[in-house]
PDB file of N, CA and C in Angstrom:
ATOM      1  N   MET A   1     -46.472  -3.183   2.054  1.00  0.00           N
ATOM      2  CA  MET A   1     -45.109  -2.592   2.725  1.00  0.00           C
ATOM      3  C   MET A   1     -44.110  -3.794   3.324  1.00  0.00           C
ATOM      4  N   ASP A   2     -44.249  -5.132   3.050  1.00  0.00           N
ATOM      5  CA  ASP A   2     -43.051  -6.266   3.404  1.00  0.00           C
ATOM      6  C   ASP A   2     -42.644  -6.606   2.159  1.00  0.00           C
ATOM      7  N   ILE A   3     -43.263  -6.227   0.927  1.00  0.00           N
ATOM      8  CA  ILE A   3     -42.447  -6.659  -0.344  1.00  0.00           C
ATOM      9  C   ILE A   3     -41.666  -5.339  -0.617  1.00  0.00           C
ATOM     10  N   TRP A   4     -42.295  -4.403  -0.263  1.00  0.00           N
ATOM     11  CA  TRP A   4     -41.046  -3.104  -0.632  1.00  0.00           C
ATOM     12  C   TRP A   4     -40.063  -3.092   0.189  1.00  0.00           C
ATOM     13  N   PHE A   5     -40.420  -3.317   1.045  1.00  0.00           N
ATOM     14  CA  PHE A   5     -39.041  -3.870   2.385  1.00  0.00           C
ATOM     15  C   PHE A   5     -38.212  -4.652   2.100  1.00  0.00           C
ATOM     16  N   LYS A   6     -38.802  -5.675   1.608  1.00  0.00           N
ATOM     17  CA  LYS A   6     -37.862  -7.067   1.657  1.00  0.00           C
ATOM     18  C   LYS A   6     -37.371  -7.047   0.250  1.00  0.00           C
ATOM     19  N   THR A   7     -38.124  -6.163  -1.008  1.00  0.00           N
ATOM     20  CA  THR A   7     -37.046  -6.067  -2.164  1.00  0.00           C
ATOM     21  C   THR A   7     -35.861  -4.689  -2.301  1.00  0.00           C
ATOM     22  N   ASN A   8     -36.439  -3.792  -1.364  1.00  0.00           N
ATOM     23  CA  ASN A   8     -35.056  -2.528  -1.118  1.00  0.00           C
ATOM     24  C   ASN A   8     -34.139  -2.961  -0.774  1.00  0.00           C
ATOM     25  N   LEU A   9     -34.396  -4.005   0.687  1.00  0.00           N
ATOM     26  CA  LEU A   9     -32.978  -4.316   1.827  1.00  0.00           C
ATOM     27  C   LEU A   9     -32.176  -5.733   0.719  1.00  0.00           C
ATOM     28  N   ASP A  10     -32.760  -6.550  -0.568  1.00  0.00           N
ATOM     29  CA  ASP A  10     -32.065  -7.275  -1.055  1.00  0.00           C
ATOM     30  C   ASP A  10     -31.427  -6.423  -2.197  1.00  0.00           C
ATOM     31  N   ARG A  11     -32.186  -5.166  -2.059  1.00  0.00           N
ATOM     32  CA  ARG A  11     -30.796  -3.984  -3.293  1.00  0.00           C
ATOM     33  C   ARG A  11     -29.742  -3.848  -2.577  1.00  0.00           C
ATOM     34  N   ILE A  12     -30.242  -3.021  -1.371  1.00  0.00           N
ATOM     35  CA  ILE A  12     -28.797  -2.844  -0.437  1.00  0.00           C
ATOM     36  C   ILE A  12     -27.747  -3.655  -0.036  1.00  0.00           C
ATOM     37  N   THR A  13     -29.090  -5.093   0.314  1.00  0.00           N
ATOM     38  CA  THR A  13     -27.847  -6.131   0.555  1.00  0.00           C
ATOM     39  C   THR A  13     -26.503  -6.671  -0.355  1.00  0.00           C
ATOM     40  N   GLY A  14     -27.476  -6.712  -1.972  1.00  0.00           N
ATOM     41  CA  GLY A  14     -26.982  -6.652  -3.228  1.00  0.00           C
ATOM     42  C   GLY A  14     -25.562  -6.043  -3.257  1.00  0.00           C
ATOM     43  N   MET A  15     -25.477  -4.796  -2.920  1.00  0.00           N
ATOM     44  CA  MET A  15     -24.918  -3.730  -3.575  1.00  0.00           C
ATOM     45  C   MET A  15     -23.544  -3.850  -2.232  1.00  0.00           C
ATOM     46  N   LEU A  16     -24.204  -3.917  -0.840  1.00  0.00           N
ATOM     47  CA  LEU A  16     -22.895  -3.697  -0.343  1.00  0.00           C
ATOM     48  C   LEU A  16     -22.131  -5.269  -0.810  1.00  0.00           C
ATOM     49  N   ALA A  17     -22.553  -6.534  -0.611  1.00  0.00           N
ATOM     50  CA  ALA A  17     -21.920  -7.658  -0.899  1.00  0.00           C
ATOM     51  C   ALA A  17     -20.731  -7.323  -2.057  1.00  0.00           C
ATOM     52  N   LEU A  18     -21.474  -6.529  -3.528  1.00  0.00           N
ATOM     53  CA  LEU A  18     -20.574  -6.438  -4.320  1.00  0.00           C
ATOM     54  C   LEU A  18     -19.424  -5.056  -4.464  1.00  0.00           C
ATOM     55  N   HIS A  19     -20.071  -4.438  -3.329  1.00  0.00           N
ATOM     56  CA  HIS A  19     -18.321  -3.434  -3.031  1.00  0.00           C
ATOM     57  C   HIS A  19     -17.835  -3.644  -1.817  1.00  0.00           C
ATOM     58  N   THR A  20     -18.136  -4.305  -1.004  1.00  0.00           N
ATOM     59  CA  THR A  20     -17.489  -4.735  -0.242  1.00  0.00           C
ATOM     60  C   THR A  20     -15.971  -5.700   0.170  1.00  0.00           C
ATOM     61  N   PRO A  21     -14.662  -5.355   0.518  1.00  0.00           N
ATOM     62  CA  PRO A  21     -13.652  -6.624  -0.025  1.00  0.00           C
ATOM     63  C   PRO A  21     -13.993  -7.481   0.881  1.00  0.00           C
ATOM     64  N   ILE A  22     -13.703  -8.485   0.327  1.00  0.00           N
ATOM     65  CA  ILE A  22     -13.757 -10.136   0.877  1.00  0.00           C
ATOM     66  C   ILE A  22     -13.025 -10.329   1.809  1.00  0.00           C
ATOM     67  N   LYS A  23     -11.680 -10.094   1.249  1.00  0.00           N
ATOM     68  CA  LYS A  23     -10.663 -10.261   2.317  1.00  0.00           C
ATOM     69  C   LYS A  23     -10.429  -9.023   3.483  1.00  0.00           C
ATOM     70  N   ARG A  24      -9.887  -9.758   4.579  1.00  0.00           N
ATOM     71  CA  ARG A  24      -9.491  -8.683   6.069  1.00  0.00           C
ATOM     72  C   ARG A  24      -8.623  -7.696   5.663  1.00  0.00           C
ATOM     73  N   ILE A  25      -8.667  -6.433   5.645  1.00  0.00           N
ATOM     74  CA  ILE A  25      -7.960  -5.544   5.346  1.00  0.00           C
ATOM     75  C   ILE A  25      -7.033  -5.351   6.200  1.00  0.00           C
ATOM     76  N   THR A  26      -5.897  -5.138   5.950  1.00  0.00           N
ATOM     77  CA  THR A  26      -4.926  -5.488   7.394  1.00  0.00           C
ATOM     78  C   THR A  26      -4.098  -3.619   7.576  1.00  0.00           C
ATOM     79  N   TYR A  27      -3.177  -3.228   8.334  1.00  0.00           N
ATOM     80  CA  TYR A  27      -2.427  -2.071   8.529  1.00  0.00           C
ATOM     81  C   TYR A  27      -1.961  -1.484   7.139  1.00  0.00           C
ATOM     82  N   ARG A  28      -1.122  -2.876   6.521  1.00  0.00           N
ATOM     83  CA  ARG A  28      -0.874  -2.331   5.322  1.00  0.00           C
ATOM     84  C   ARG A  28      -1.438  -2.573   3.953  1.00  0.00           C
ATOM     85  N   SER A  29      -3.057  -2.378   4.369  1.00  0.00           N
ATOM     86  CA  SER A  29      -3.480  -2.483   3.218  1.00  0.00           C
ATOM     87  C   SER A  29      -3.646  -0.910   2.522  1.00  0.00           C
ATOM     88  N   LYS A  30      -3.043  -0.561   1.515  1.00  0.00           N
ATOM     89  CA  LYS A  30      -2.788   1.146   0.710  1.00  0.00           C
ATOM     90  C   LYS A  30      -3.268   1.008  -0.567  1.00  0.00           C
ATOM     91  N   PRO A  31      -3.792   1.838  -0.535  1.00  0.00           N
ATOM     92  CA  PRO A  31      -4.109   1.954  -2.078  1.00  0.00           C
ATOM     93  C   PRO A  31      -2.503   2.182  -2.962  1.00  0.00           C
ATOM     94  N   TRP A  32      -1.536   2.603  -2.695  1.00  0.00           N
ATOM     95  CA  TRP A  32      -0.495   2.562  -3.048  1.00  0.00           C
ATOM     96  C   TRP A  32       0.408   1.397  -3.052  1.00  0.00           C
ATOM     97  N   SER A  33      -0.020   0.590  -2.235  1.00  0.00           N
ATOM     98  CA  SER A  33       1.058  -0.822  -2.017  1.00  0.00           C
ATOM     99  C   SER A  33       1.063  -1.573  -3.015  1.00  0.00           C
ATOM    100  N   SER A  34       2.240  -2.202  -3.175  1.00  0.00           N
ATOM    101  CA  SER A  34       2.526  -2.738  -4.705  1.00  0.00           C
ATOM    102  C   SER A  34       3.121  -4.273  -3.870  1.00  0.00           C
ATOM    103  N   ASP A  35       3.867  -5.293  -5.008  1.00  0.00           N
ATOM    104  CA  ASP A  35       4.494  -6.314  -4.681  1.00  0.00           C
ATOM    105  C   ASP A  35       5.829  -6.021  -4.398  1.00  0.00           C
ATOM    106  N   LEU A  36       5.570  -4.845  -5.155  1.00  0.00           N
ATOM    107  CA  LEU A  36       7.678  -4.819  -5.542  1.00  0.00           C
ATOM    108  C   LEU A  36       7.810  -3.847  -3.473  1.00  0.00           C
ATOM    109  N   LEU A  37       7.252  -3.082  -3.439  1.00  0.00           N
ATOM    110  CA  LEU A  37       7.407  -2.601  -2.034  1.00  0.00           C
ATOM    111  C   LEU A  37       7.202  -3.756  -1.220  1.00  0.00           C
ATOM    112  N   SER A  38       6.748  -4.751  -1.339  1.00  0.00           N
ATOM    113  CA  SER A  38       6.607  -5.818  -0.198  1.00  0.00           C
ATOM    114  C   SER A  38       8.421  -6.515  -0.308  1.00  0.00           C
ATOM    115  N   GLN A  39       8.249  -6.577  -1.609  1.00  0.00           N
ATOM    116  CA  GLN A  39       9.704  -7.346  -1.641  1.00  0.00           C
ATOM    117  C   GLN A  39      10.920  -6.256  -1.302  1.00  0.00           C
ATOM    118  N   LEU A  40      10.465  -4.847  -1.281  1.00  0.00           N
ATOM    119  CA  LEU A  40      11.390  -4.138  -0.765  1.00  0.00           C
ATOM    120  C   LEU A  40      11.372  -4.075   0.614  1.00  0.00           C
ATOM    121  N   ARG A  41      10.574  -4.116   1.578  1.00  0.00           N
ATOM    122  CA  ARG A  41      10.268  -4.214   2.820  1.00  0.00           C
ATOM    123  C   ARG A  41      11.216  -5.558   3.631  1.00  0.00           C
ATOM    124  N   LYS A  42      10.813  -6.435   2.837  1.00  0.00           N
ATOM    125  CA  LYS A  42      11.592  -7.724   3.277  1.00  0.00           C
ATOM    126  C   LYS A  42      13.049  -7.244   3.077  1.00  0.00           C
ATOM    127  N   ALA A  43      13.487  -7.001   2.369  1.00  0.00           N
ATOM    128  CA  ALA A  43      14.854  -6.890   1.842  1.00  0.00           C
ATOM    129  C   ALA A  43      15.510  -5.637   3.280  1.00  0.00           C
ATOM    130  N   ASP A  44      14.630  -4.638   2.946  1.00  0.00           N
ATOM    131  CA  ASP A  44      15.148  -4.050   4.043  1.00  0.00           C
ATOM    132  C   ASP A  44      14.657  -4.189   5.558  1.00  0.00           C
ATOM    133  N   ASN A  45      14.466  -5.293   5.873  1.00  0.00           N
ATOM    134  CA  ASN A  45      14.158  -5.829   7.230  1.00  0.00           C
ATOM    135  C   ASN A  45      15.044  -6.792   7.544  1.00  0.00           C
ATOM    136  N   SER A  46      16.044  -7.214   6.731  1.00  0.00           N
ATOM    137  CA  SER A  46      17.052  -8.737   6.658  1.00  0.00           C
ATOM    138  C   SER A  46      18.137  -8.340   7.118  1.00  0.00           C
ATOM    139  N   PRO A  47      19.201  -7.271   5.779  1.00  0.00           N
ATOM    140  CA  PRO A  47      20.175  -6.995   6.263  1.00  0.00           C
ATOM    141  C   PRO A  47      20.392  -6.564   7.872  1.00  0.00           C
ATOM    142  N   PRO A  48      19.633  -5.610   8.369  1.00  0.00           N
ATOM    143  CA  PRO A  48      20.151  -5.087   9.345  1.00  0.00           C
ATOM    144  C   PRO A  48      19.682  -6.465  10.766  1.00  0.00           C
ATOM    145  N   CYS A  49      19.093  -7.121  10.420  1.00  0.00           N
ATOM    146  CA  CYS A  49      19.790  -8.742  11.198  1.00  0.00           C
ATOM    147  C   CYS A  49      21.097  -9.241  11.383  1.00  0.00           C
ATOM    148  N   SER A  50      21.522  -9.616  10.268  1.00  0.00           N
ATOM    149  CA  SER A  50      22.785 -10.176   9.740  1.00  0.00           C
ATOM    150  C   SER A  50      23.500  -8.863  10.342  1.00  0.00           C
ATOM    151  N   SER A  51      23.422  -7.137   9.837  1.00  0.00           N
ATOM    152  CA  SER A  51      24.305  -6.518  10.517  1.00  0.00           C
ATOM    153  C   SER A  51      24.762  -6.175  11.912  1.00  0.00           C
ATOM    154  N   LYS A  52      23.724  -6.685  12.757  1.00  0.00           N
ATOM    155  CA  LYS A  52      23.575  -6.615  13.971  1.00  0.00           C
ATOM    156  C   LYS A  52      24.493  -7.567  14.887  1.00  0.00           C
ATOM    157  N   THR A  53      24.785  -8.425  14.222  1.00  0.00           N
ATOM    158  CA  THR A  53      26.071  -9.566  14.779  1.00  0.00           C
ATOM    159  C   THR A  53      27.133  -8.815  14.152  1.00  0.00           C
ATOM    160  N   ASP A  54      27.377  -8.277  13.515  1.00  0.00           N
ATOM    161  CA  ASP A  54      28.676  -8.103  13.084  1.00  0.00           C
ATOM    162  C   ASP A  54      28.846  -6.719  12.512  1.00  0.00           C
ATOM    163  N   ARG A  55      29.054  -5.775  13.820  1.00  0.00           N
ATOM    164  CA  ARG A  55      28.535  -4.014  13.857  1.00  0.00           C
ATOM    165  C   ARG A  55      30.016  -3.459  12.780  1.00  0.00           C
ATOM    166  N   PHE A  56      30.982  -3.821  12.505  1.00  0.00           N
ATOM    167  CA  PHE A  56      32.259  -3.259  12.258  1.00  0.00           C
ATOM    168  C   PHE A  56      32.374  -3.991  10.753  1.00  0.00           C
ATOM    169  N   ASP A  57      31.219  -4.517  10.074  1.00  0.00           N
ATOM    170  CA  ASP A  57      31.154  -5.284   8.561  1.00  0.00           C
ATOM    171  C   ASP A  57      31.006  -3.891   8.025  1.00  0.00           C
ATOM    172  N   SER A  58      31.785  -2.797   6.911  1.00  0.00           N
ATOM    173  CA  SER A  58      30.820  -1.834   6.611  1.00  0.00           C
ATOM    174  C   SER A  58      29.875  -2.413   5.188  1.00  0.00           C
ATOM    175  N   ALA A  59      30.304  -3.062   4.688  1.00  0.00           N
ATOM    176  CA  ALA A  59      29.756  -3.821   3.613  1.00  0.00           C
ATOM    177  C   ALA A  59      28.397  -4.478   4.103  1.00  0.00           C
ATOM    178  N   LEU A  60      28.196  -4.947   5.006  1.00  0.00           N
ATOM    179  CA  LEU A  60      26.942  -5.262   5.935  1.00  0.00           C
ATOM    180  C   LEU A  60      25.969  -4.063   5.866  1.00  0.00           C
ATOM    181  N   LEU A  61      26.460  -2.732   6.634  1.00  0.00           N
ATOM    182  CA  LEU A  61      25.989  -1.639   7.049  1.00  0.00           C
ATOM    183  C   LEU A  61      25.774  -0.946   5.842  1.00  0.00           C
ATOM    184  N   ALA A  62      26.667  -1.132   5.095  1.00  0.00           N
ATOM    185  CA  ALA A  62      25.938  -0.119   3.889  1.00  0.00           C
ATOM    186  C   ALA A  62      25.014  -0.943   2.929  1.00  0.00           C
ATOM    187  N   SER A  63      24.867  -2.069   3.040  1.00  0.00           N
ATOM    188  CA  SER A  63      23.778  -2.887   2.262  1.00  0.00           C
ATOM    189  C   SER A  63      22.566  -2.308   3.001  1.00  0.00           C
ATOM    190  N   ALA A  64      22.727  -2.844   3.817  1.00  0.00           N
ATOM    191  CA  ALA A  64      21.272  -2.452   5.216  1.00  0.00           C
ATOM    192  C   ALA A  64      20.899  -0.684   4.492  1.00  0.00           C
ATOM    193  N   ARG A  65      21.997   0.440   4.779  1.00  0.00           N
ATOM    194  CA  ARG A  65      21.623   1.893   4.321  1.00  0.00           C
ATOM    195  C   ARG A  65      20.760   1.679   3.304  1.00  0.00           C
ATOM    196  N   ALA A  66      21.095   0.737   1.973  1.00  0.00           N
ATOM    197  CA  ALA A  66      20.705   0.760   0.896  1.00  0.00           C
ATOM    198  C   ALA A  66      19.380   0.402   0.277  1.00  0.00           C
ATOM    199  N   ALA A  67      19.097  -0.765   1.250  1.00  0.00           N
ATOM    200  CA  ALA A  67      18.279  -1.235   0.999  1.00  0.00           C
ATOM    201  C   ALA A  67      17.281  -0.279   1.886  1.00  0.00           C
ATOM    202  N   THR A  68      17.465  -0.289   3.193  1.00  0.00           N
ATOM    203  CA  THR A  68      16.593   1.236   3.859  1.00  0.00           C
ATOM    204  C   THR A  68      16.341   2.211   2.690  1.00  0.00           C
ATOM    205  N   SER A  69      17.056   2.966   2.481  1.00  0.00           N
ATOM    206  CA  SER A  69      17.251   4.284   1.467  1.00  0.00           C
ATOM    207  C   SER A  69      16.230   3.722   0.226  1.00  0.00           C
ATOM    208  N   SER A  70      16.043   2.242  -0.827  1.00  0.00           N
ATOM    209  CA  SER A  70      15.443   2.422  -1.634  1.00  0.00           C
ATOM    210  C   SER A  70      14.168   1.718  -1.441  1.00  0.00           C
ATOM    211  N   TYR A  71      13.840   1.427  -0.245  1.00  0.00           N
ATOM    212  CA  TYR A  71      12.573   1.084   0.367  1.00  0.00           C
ATOM    213  C   TYR A  71      11.449   2.394   0.460  1.00  0.00           C
ATOM    214  N   PHE A  72      12.277   3.714   1.324  1.00  0.00           N
ATOM    215  CA  PHE A  72      11.162   4.456   1.821  1.00  0.00           C
ATOM    216  C   PHE A  72      11.367   5.278   0.168  1.00  0.00           C
ATOM    217  N   LYS A  73      12.505   5.632  -0.871  1.00  0.00           N
ATOM    218  CA  LYS A  73      12.180   6.593  -1.824  1.00  0.00           C
ATOM    219  C   LYS A  73      11.425   5.630  -2.555  1.00  0.00           C
ATOM    220  N   ALA A  74      11.273   4.007  -2.723  1.00  0.00           N
ATOM    221  CA  ALA A  74       9.925   3.348  -3.689  1.00  0.00           C
ATOM    222  C   ALA A  74       8.667   4.015  -2.983  1.00  0.00           C
ATOM    223  N   ILE A  75       8.374   3.644  -1.556  1.00  0.00           N
ATOM    224  CA  ILE A  75       6.949   4.285  -0.911  1.00  0.00           C
ATOM    225  C   ILE A  75       6.957   6.105  -1.197  1.00  0.00           C
ATOM    226  N   LYS A  76       7.897   6.662  -0.902  1.00  0.00           N
ATOM    227  CA  LYS A  76       7.550   8.252  -1.265  1.00  0.00           C
ATOM    228  C   LYS A  76       7.139   8.315  -2.815  1.00  0.00           C
ATOM    229  N   LYS A  77       7.851   7.355  -4.252  1.00  0.00           N
ATOM    230  CA  LYS A  77       7.293   7.649  -5.178  1.00  0.00           C
ATOM    231  C   LYS A  77       5.856   7.362  -5.584  1.00  0.00           C
ATOM    232  N   ALA A  78       5.705   6.046  -4.922  1.00  0.00           N
ATOM    233  CA  ALA A  78       4.571   5.447  -4.774  1.00  0.00           C
ATOM    234  C   ALA A  78       3.160   5.964  -4.430  1.00  0.00           C
ATOM    235  N   LYS A  79       3.553   7.136  -3.247  1.00  0.00           N
ATOM    236  CA  LYS A  79       2.885   7.910  -2.518  1.00  0.00           C
ATOM    237  C   LYS A  79       2.632   9.165  -4.039  1.00  0.00           C
ATOM    238  N   ARG A  80       3.815   9.658  -4.420  1.00  0.00           N
ATOM    239  CA  ARG A  80       3.225  10.622  -5.166  1.00  0.00           C
ATOM    240  C   ARG A  80       2.869  10.815  -6.667  1.00  0.00           C
ATOM    241  N   ASP A  81       2.888   9.206  -7.282  1.00  0.00           N
ATOM    242  CA  ASP A  81       2.493   8.818  -8.950  1.00  0.00           C
ATOM    243  C   ASP A  81       1.198   9.617  -8.595  1.00  0.00           C
ATOM    244  N   PRO A  82       0.364   8.703  -7.744  1.00  0.00           N
ATOM    245  CA  PRO A  82      -1.087   8.994  -8.200  1.00  0.00           C
ATOM    246  C   PRO A  82      -1.678  10.460  -8.089  1.00  0.00           C
ATOM    247  N   TRP A  83      -0.963  11.493  -7.382  1.00  0.00           N
ATOM    248  CA  TRP A  83      -1.418  12.548  -7.242  1.00  0.00           C
ATOM    249  C   TRP A  83      -0.916  13.660  -8.224  1.00  0.00           C
ATOM    250  N   PHE A  84       0.536  13.067  -8.929  1.00  0.00           N
ATOM    251  CA  PHE A  84       0.583  13.767 -10.066  1.00  0.00           C
ATOM    252  C   PHE A  84      -0.200  13.541 -11.088  1.00  0.00           C
ATOM    253  N   SER A  85      -0.651  12.252 -11.444  1.00  0.00           N
ATOM    254  CA  SER A  85      -1.564  11.701 -12.351  1.00  0.00           C
ATOM    255  C   SER A  85      -2.706  12.429 -12.243  1.00  0.00           C
ATOM    256  N   PHE A  86      -3.213  12.648 -10.779  1.00  0.00           N
ATOM    257  CA  PHE A  86      -4.267  13.839 -10.649  1.00  0.00           C
ATOM    258  C   PHE A  86      -4.644  15.137 -10.931  1.00  0.00           C
ATOM    259  N   LEU A  87      -3.475  15.500 -10.641  1.00  0.00           N
ATOM    260  CA  LEU A  87      -2.864  16.763 -10.879  1.00  0.00           C
ATOM    261  C   LEU A  87      -2.961  16.904 -12.471  1.00  0.00           C
ATOM    262  N   ALA A  88      -2.450  16.082 -13.382  1.00  0.00           N
ATOM    263  CA  ALA A  88      -2.139  16.480 -14.705  1.00  0.00           C
ATOM    264  C   ALA A  88      -3.768  16.167 -15.395  1.00  0.00           C
ATOM    265  N   SER A  89      -4.624  15.501 -14.831  1.00  0.00           N
ATOM    266  CA  SER A  89      -5.768  15.888 -15.028  1.00  0.00           C
ATOM    267  C   SER A  89      -6.829  16.413 -14.868  1.00  0.00           C
ATOM    268  N   ALA A  90      -6.321  17.312 -14.049  1.00  0.00           N
ATOM    269  CA  ALA A  90      -7.505  18.051 -13.103  1.00  0.00           C
ATOM    270  C   ALA A  90      -7.910  19.134 -13.953  1.00  0.00           C
ATOM    271  N   THR A  91      -8.937  19.531 -13.960  1.00  0.00           N
ATOM    272  CA  THR A  91      -9.592  20.623 -14.733  1.00  0.00           C
ATOM    273  C   THR A  91     -10.375  21.472 -13.357  1.00  0.00           C
ATOM    274  N   PRO A  92     -10.291  23.295 -13.552  1.00  0.00           N
ATOM    275  CA  PRO A  92     -11.356  23.830 -12.785  1.00  0.00           C
ATOM    276  C   PRO A  92     -12.503  23.001 -12.498  1.00  0.00           C
ATOM    277  N   GLN A  93     -12.973  22.388 -13.327  1.00  0.00           N
ATOM    278  CA  GLN A  93     -14.122  22.390 -12.895  1.00  0.00           C
ATOM    279  C   GLN A  93     -14.306  20.906 -12.375  1.00  0.00           C
ATOM    280  N   THR A  94     -13.352  20.253 -12.487  1.00  0.00           N
ATOM    281  CA  THR A  94     -13.161  18.497 -11.752  1.00  0.00           C
ATOM    282  C   THR A  94     -12.713  18.973  -9.934  1.00  0.00           C
ATOM    283  N   VAL A  95     -12.035  20.096 -10.281  1.00  0.00           N
ATOM    284  CA  VAL A  95     -11.482  20.225  -8.369  1.00  0.00           C
ATOM    285  C   VAL A  95     -12.276  20.780  -7.880  1.00  0.00           C
TER     286      VAL A  95
END
């Protein structure tokens, strides 16, 4: 019984170690996340800080709005693309 238990415990432990992520998962870890979205998030967060000092500079406000808009559009596209690819390959048997 001890040999059987140890063998199965080693199998389960090996499978868990193989399929468990090593890095700590953050609240931003999403399957659709990418490096492009990270760069757009940084670009989105930096112009508003500079536009807060000079609220009457229309060029800074326009660039801040453009950065925010492109960031949220990229998020929507990143979330939407896997769903559309799933629907394109789905059959009534797989759904």
